[in-house]
Protein backbone atom coordinates (compact mmCIF):
# COMPACT_ATOMS: atom_id res chain seq x y z
CA MET A 1 0.00 0.00 0.00
CA GLU A 2 1.21 3.46 -0.83
CA ASP A 3 -0.10 6.99 -0.33
CA VAL A 4 -0.25 9.17 -3.46
CA ALA A 5 -1.86 12.37 -4.67
CA ILE A 6 -4.67 11.75 -7.18
CA PHE A 7 -5.32 13.94 -10.21
CA PRO A 8 -8.86 13.15 -11.46
CA LEU A 9 -9.16 13.91 -15.19
CA ASN A 10 -11.34 13.28 -18.21
CA ALA A 11 -8.59 10.99 -19.48
CA VAL A 12 -7.45 7.40 -19.04
CA LEU A 13 -3.72 6.73 -18.84
CA PHE A 14 -2.07 3.34 -19.34
CA PRO A 15 1.38 2.19 -18.19
CA GLY A 16 3.97 3.46 -20.65
CA GLY A 17 1.61 6.12 -22.01
CA ILE A 18 2.42 9.79 -22.49
CA LEU A 19 0.04 12.38 -21.08
CA PRO A 20 0.73 16.12 -21.42
CA LEU A 21 -0.96 18.29 -18.80
CA ARG A 22 -1.49 22.02 -18.37
CA ILE A 23 -1.67 22.72 -14.66
CA PHE A 24 -3.02 26.00 -13.31
CA GLU A 25 -4.95 25.21 -10.11
CA GLN A 26 -2.82 25.87 -7.01
CA ARG A 27 -3.48 22.45 -5.47
CA TYR A 28 -2.08 20.73 -8.57
CA MET A 29 0.81 23.22 -8.93
CA ASP A 30 1.81 22.35 -5.35
CA MET A 31 1.36 18.62 -6.06
CA ALA A 32 3.53 18.79 -9.20
CA ALA A 33 6.25 20.77 -7.38
CA ALA A 34 6.32 18.22 -4.53
CA CYS A 35 6.40 15.28 -6.96
CA MET A 36 9.30 16.81 -8.93
CA ARG A 37 11.21 17.83 -5.78
CA ASN A 38 10.87 14.35 -4.23
CA ASP A 39 10.94 12.37 -7.51
CA GLN A 40 7.56 10.84 -6.69
CA PRO A 41 4.72 9.75 -8.95
CA PHE A 42 1.09 10.79 -8.62
CA GLY A 43 -2.06 9.00 -9.72
CA ILE A 44 -4.22 9.76 -12.75
CA CYS A 45 -7.81 8.53 -12.51
CA LEU A 46 -10.78 9.03 -14.77
CA ILE A 47 -13.43 11.26 -13.19
CA LYS A 48 -16.35 9.18 -11.95
CA SER A 49 -18.39 12.26 -11.00
CA GLY A 50 -17.65 15.95 -10.91
CA LYS A 51 -15.47 18.21 -13.03
CA GLU A 52 -11.76 18.71 -13.62
CA VAL A 53 -11.78 22.25 -12.20
CA GLY A 54 -13.17 23.50 -8.90
CA VAL A 55 -14.68 21.20 -6.27
CA PRO A 56 -12.67 17.94 -6.03
CA ALA A 57 -14.05 15.31 -8.42
CA THR A 58 -14.68 11.71 -7.42
CA PRO A 59 -12.18 9.44 -9.20
CA GLU A 60 -12.66 5.93 -10.54
CA GLU A 61 -11.11 3.25 -8.32
CA VAL A 62 -8.57 2.05 -10.90
CA GLY A 63 -5.97 4.42 -12.29
CA CYS A 64 -2.32 4.65 -13.29
CA THR A 65 0.59 6.27 -11.52
CA THR A 66 2.52 8.74 -13.62
CA ARG A 67 5.77 10.63 -13.31
CA ILE A 68 6.68 14.05 -14.68
CA VAL A 69 9.39 13.63 -17.32
CA GLU A 70 9.44 17.18 -18.75
CA TRP A 71 8.12 20.53 -17.61
CA GLU A 72 8.11 24.20 -18.50
CA MET A 73 6.44 27.35 -17.23
CA GLN A 74 6.23 29.84 -20.08
CA GLN A 75 3.90 32.09 -18.13
CA LEU A 76 3.38 32.58 -14.43
CA GLY A 77 0.61 30.39 -13.09
CA LEU A 78 0.58 27.87 -15.96
CA LEU A 79 2.74 24.77 -15.72
CA SER A 80 3.03 22.51 -18.77
CA VAL A 81 4.21 18.98 -17.99
CA LYS A 82 4.70 15.77 -19.92
CA THR A 83 4.03 12.68 -17.83
CA ARG A 84 4.67 9.00 -18.46
CA GLY A 85 2.37 6.31 -17.06
CA GLU A 86 3.98 3.74 -14.78
CA GLN A 87 1.74 1.25 -12.98
CA ARG A 88 -1.95 0.50 -12.60
CA PHE A 89 -3.44 0.74 -9.13
CA ARG A 90 -6.67 0.43 -7.19
CA ILE A 91 -7.73 3.02 -4.61
CA ARG A 92 -8.36 1.47 -1.21
CA GLU A 93 -9.12 4.67 0.72
CA SER A 94 -9.19 8.32 -0.27
CA GLY A 95 -9.79 11.73 1.22
CA VAL A 96 -9.50 15.38 0.33
CA THR A 97 -6.92 17.64 1.99
CA ALA A 98 -7.65 21.18 3.21
CA SER A 99 -6.19 22.51 -0.08
CA GLY A 100 -8.68 20.41 -2.10
CA LEU A 101 -6.18 17.77 -3.24
CA THR A 102 -7.37 14.17 -3.27
CA ARG A 103 -4.93 11.74 -1.63
CA ALA A 104 -5.39 7.99 -1.63
CA THR A 105 -4.00 4.81 -0.21
CA ILE A 106 -3.46 2.63 -3.25
CA GLU A 107 -2.67 -0.99 -3.98
CA PHE A 108 -0.65 -1.69 -7.11
CA LEU A 109 -2.25 -4.10 -9.56
CA PRO A 110 -0.15 -6.83 -11.17
CA ASP A 111 1.18 -6.21 -14.65
CA ASP A 112 -0.91 -7.48 -17.54
CA GLU A 113 -0.60 -11.12 -18.45
CA ASP A 114 1.28 -10.21 -21.61
CA THR A 115 1.51 -12.31 -24.73
CA GLN A 116 3.33 -11.96 -28.01
CA LEU A 117 1.20 -10.21 -30.57
CA GLY A 118 2.40 -12.36 -33.46
CA ASP A 119 0.54 -12.18 -36.77
CA GLU A 120 -2.90 -12.74 -35.29
CA PHE A 121 -3.94 -9.08 -35.10
CA PRO A 122 -2.23 -7.37 -38.05
CA ALA A 123 -4.68 -4.45 -38.19
CA CYS A 124 -3.77 -3.42 -34.65
CA SER A 125 -0.02 -3.18 -35.11
CA LYS A 126 -0.34 -1.79 -38.65
CA LEU A 127 -2.60 1.07 -37.54
CA LEU A 128 -0.44 1.86 -34.53
CA LYS A 129 2.72 1.98 -36.65
CA ALA A 130 1.02 4.33 -39.12
CA VAL A 131 -0.13 6.69 -36.34
CA ILE A 132 3.35 6.71 -34.77
CA ASP A 133 4.96 7.35 -38.18
CA GLN A 134 2.67 10.35 -38.58
CA HIS A 135 2.85 11.79 -35.04
CA GLY A 136 6.13 10.44 -33.66
CA SER A 137 7.39 10.66 -30.12
CA GLN A 138 4.81 13.15 -28.88
CA ILE A 139 2.26 10.34 -28.47
CA VAL A 140 4.47 7.40 -27.40
CA SER A 141 7.81 6.96 -25.72
CA GLU A 142 10.61 4.48 -26.17
CA PRO A 143 10.92 1.57 -26.12
CA MET A 144 8.46 0.66 -28.86
CA GLU A 145 7.22 -2.89 -28.31
CA PHE A 146 5.18 -3.82 -31.38
CA GLU A 147 5.47 -7.53 -30.51
CA SER A 148 3.80 -7.02 -27.10
CA ALA A 149 0.02 -7.40 -26.91
CA SER A 150 0.04 -5.35 -23.71
CA TRP A 151 1.99 -2.42 -25.21
CA VAL A 152 0.10 -2.34 -28.53
CA GLY A 153 -3.26 -2.68 -26.76
CA ALA A 154 -2.48 0.12 -24.31
CA ARG A 155 -1.29 2.49 -27.05
CA LEU A 156 -4.35 1.78 -29.21
CA ALA A 157 -6.71 2.25 -26.26
CA GLU A 158 -5.12 5.66 -25.67
CA ILE A 159 -5.35 6.93 -29.25
CA LEU A 160 -8.53 5.38 -30.66
CA PRO A 161 -11.82 7.32 -30.47
CA VAL A 162 -13.20 4.98 -27.83
CA PRO A 163 -15.55 6.41 -25.15
CA LEU A 164 -13.81 7.16 -21.84
CA ALA A 165 -15.94 4.58 -19.98
CA ALA A 166 -14.74 1.90 -22.43
CA LYS A 167 -11.11 3.03 -22.05
CA GLN A 168 -11.56 2.70 -18.29
CA LYS A 169 -12.82 -0.88 -18.68
CA LEU A 170 -9.83 -1.65 -20.94
CA LEU A 171 -7.48 -0.26 -18.26
CA GLU A 172 -9.09 -2.48 -15.64
CA LEU A 173 -8.56 -5.68 -17.69
CA GLN A 174 -5.76 -7.93 -16.43
CA ASP A 175 -5.44 -9.84 -19.69
CA ALA A 176 -3.56 -8.13 -22.53
CA ARG A 177 -4.86 -10.64 -25.06
CA GLN A 178 -8.47 -9.89 -24.14
CA ARG A 179 -7.77 -6.14 -24.48
CA ILE A 180 -6.23 -6.56 -27.95
CA GLU A 181 -9.13 -8.81 -29.06
CA ILE A 182 -11.64 -6.10 -28.04
CA LEU A 183 -9.65 -3.41 -29.86
CA ASP A 184 -9.29 -5.58 -32.96
CA LYS A 185 -13.09 -6.03 -33.06
CA PHE A 186 -13.49 -2.24 -32.64
CA LEU A 187 -11.18 -1.63 -35.62
CA LYS A 188 -13.07 -4.12 -37.77
CA GLN A 189 -16.49 -2.74 -36.80
CA HIS A 190 -15.42 0.83 -37.53
CA ARG A 191 -13.29 -0.14 -40.54
CA LEU A 192 -10.30 1.69 -39.09
CA SER A 193 -7.03 0.60 -40.57
CA ALA A 194 -3.78 2.10 -41.75
């Protein structure tokens, strides 16, 4: 069990994913400063109820820890950061501090049961390679693992126009093969391919 700050967002982050953030609320500026100073991660969770700004939102129970890998402050009061997802977790207990920051006791979830992607889902890896060729390192970070069902599935879940509730369910899955099968069906149904 570990205690982390939680940043509820209208976004779902997977391990290894890149998530740029623009931080302007004081509670999150303080959180980001503390995380950078102490080299600590914080948690990203999809908002279950509430809004990103103002009164603290209620987060989903399963999220992903993330670490700030780049930052800049081009204007006072606006911090731009690039974060990289690390590990999935489940919230066991949470509360809101006096400053309005949600903190939670979390339990890390085991890594996906990963399998080799092989040639079984060619549309998935082909589409992902095409998107990366077009957009490059701003959407994914090294190492690229096109043979990993877990890595390809996570990257596709991040970039495809899938509803946030569905992305959340994909994040909660323990089985990388099941995730890639669902995404492959989505591609076929929507005729999305490279």
